[in-house]
Protein backbone atom coordinates (compact mmCIF):
# COMPACT_ATOMS: atom_id res chain seq x y z
CA UNK A 1 181.19 113.67 56.92
CA UNK A 2 178.35 114.07 59.32
CA UNK A 3 174.78 113.24 58.47
CA UNK A 4 172.19 115.65 59.78
CA UNK A 5 170.19 114.26 62.68
CA UNK A 6 166.45 114.28 62.07
CA UNK A 7 164.22 114.75 65.06
CA UNK A 8 160.52 114.16 64.93
CA UNK A 9 158.00 114.32 67.73
CA UNK A 10 155.00 112.07 67.98
CA UNK A 11 152.16 112.44 70.43
CA UNK A 12 151.23 109.16 72.05
CA UNK A 13 147.63 108.02 71.65
CA UNK A 14 144.93 108.18 69.03
CA UNK A 15 144.37 110.83 66.44
CA UNK A 16 141.16 112.80 66.77
CA UNK A 17 139.55 110.75 63.99
CA UNK A 18 140.57 107.43 65.61
CA UNK A 19 139.31 108.63 68.98
CA UNK A 20 135.92 109.63 67.55
CA UNK A 21 135.62 106.29 65.77
CA UNK A 22 136.42 104.39 68.98
CA UNK A 23 133.88 106.40 70.96
CA UNK A 24 131.19 105.69 68.35
CA UNK A 25 131.94 101.95 68.41
CA UNK A 26 131.82 101.95 72.21
CA UNK A 27 128.46 103.75 72.20
CA UNK A 28 127.08 101.19 69.75
CA UNK A 29 128.25 98.37 72.03
CA UNK A 30 126.69 100.04 75.08
CA UNK A 31 123.42 100.49 73.22
CA UNK A 32 123.43 96.87 72.06
CA UNK A 33 124.14 95.64 75.59
CA UNK A 34 121.24 97.71 76.93
CA UNK A 35 118.85 96.28 74.33
CA UNK A 36 119.93 92.73 75.20
CA UNK A 37 119.60 93.40 78.93
CA UNK A 38 116.15 95.00 78.52
CA UNK A 39 114.95 92.13 76.34
CA UNK A 40 116.19 89.56 78.85
CA UNK A 41 114.55 91.41 81.74
CA UNK A 42 111.23 91.52 79.87
CA UNK A 43 111.48 87.78 79.25
CA UNK A 44 112.29 87.17 82.92
CA UNK A 45 109.24 89.20 83.97
CA UNK A 46 107.00 86.91 81.91
CA UNK A 47 108.64 83.80 83.32
CA UNK A 48 108.43 85.12 86.88
CA UNK A 49 104.75 86.00 86.48
CA UNK A 50 103.92 82.52 85.13
CA UNK A 51 105.57 80.81 88.12
CA UNK A 52 104.14 83.24 90.65
CA UNK A 53 100.56 83.02 89.39
CA UNK A 54 100.66 79.25 89.06
CA UNK A 55 101.83 78.98 92.65
CA UNK A 56 99.24 81.44 93.96
CA UNK A 57 96.38 79.78 92.05
CA UNK A 58 97.00 76.72 94.19
CA UNK A 59 97.40 78.90 97.26
CA UNK A 60 95.94 82.20 98.33
CA UNK A 61 94.04 82.93 95.06
CA UNK A 62 92.42 79.51 94.85
CA UNK A 63 89.04 80.50 96.23
CA UNK A 64 88.82 83.65 94.07
CA UNK A 65 88.57 81.85 90.73
CA UNK A 66 86.16 79.16 89.51
CA UNK A 67 87.59 75.73 88.82
CA UNK A 68 86.92 76.01 85.08
CA UNK A 69 88.52 79.46 84.83
CA UNK A 70 91.42 78.21 86.91
CA UNK A 71 92.05 75.29 84.56
CA UNK A 72 91.80 77.58 81.52
CA UNK A 73 94.21 80.10 83.06
CA UNK A 74 96.63 77.37 84.14
CA UNK A 75 96.60 76.07 80.56
CA UNK A 76 97.41 79.57 79.30
CA UNK A 77 100.25 79.85 81.83
CA UNK A 78 101.66 76.49 80.74
CA UNK A 79 101.32 77.42 77.07
CA UNK A 80 103.17 80.67 77.75
CA UNK A 81 105.91 78.86 79.65
CA UNK A 82 106.36 76.39 76.78
CA UNK A 83 106.44 79.28 74.31
CA UNK A 84 109.16 81.02 76.36
CA UNK A 85 111.54 78.08 75.95
CA UNK A 86 110.72 77.48 72.31
CA UNK A 87 109.60 80.21 69.90
CA UNK A 88 109.88 82.89 72.58
CA UNK A 89 113.53 82.22 73.30
CA UNK A 90 114.83 85.25 71.41
CA UNK A 91 111.95 87.62 70.70
CA UNK A 92 111.97 91.39 70.77
CA UNK A 93 111.27 93.11 74.09
CA UNK A 94 107.82 94.29 72.95
CA UNK A 95 106.67 90.71 72.31
CA UNK A 96 107.40 89.83 75.94
CA UNK A 97 105.65 92.98 77.14
CA UNK A 98 102.56 92.04 75.10
CA UNK A 99 102.61 88.45 76.43
CA UNK A 100 102.77 89.72 80.00
CA UNK A 101 99.90 92.13 79.35
CA UNK A 102 97.79 89.23 78.03
CA UNK A 103 98.47 87.24 81.20
CA UNK A 104 97.64 90.25 83.37
CA UNK A 105 94.24 90.58 81.67
CA UNK A 106 93.01 87.50 83.52
CA UNK A 107 95.40 87.54 86.46
CA UNK A 108 94.60 91.09 87.56
CA UNK A 109 90.93 90.20 87.97
CA UNK A 110 91.86 87.40 90.35
CA UNK A 111 94.25 89.63 92.30
CA UNK A 112 91.55 92.34 92.51
CA UNK A 113 89.04 89.84 93.96
CA UNK A 114 91.60 88.69 96.49
CA UNK A 115 92.56 92.26 97.44
CA UNK A 116 88.93 93.34 97.83
CA UNK A 117 88.19 90.35 100.03
CA UNK A 118 91.24 91.00 102.19
CA UNK A 119 90.26 94.68 102.46
CA UNK A 120 86.83 93.72 103.74
CA UNK A 121 88.37 91.41 106.32
CA UNK A 122 90.28 94.32 107.87
CA UNK A 123 87.31 96.68 107.91
């Protein structure tokens, strides 16, 4: 007696539902990676600004800020640097953006004085 041979075909790969689910999970991972990268870049901008301004306050910006203002601003830069490696280690991107804006409030005035002076030199 012969048994009937059953033949079934199966498509390799995911079902439509599995494929959609995988695409959604991948998009979530991409979004999360972007948020982490953006947050880290914002933090790096703050850190970079602190180091750059501290260096320039002892260099080319030195004569464009009073000694008292310089000491106050250096203290703020140091406080910000300490914050970065303590409470600021894992903040949201907006917190870093706000910190940088606070530093720019004073720093931009110094840069403006320097730029105006240099502009007059060339005139």
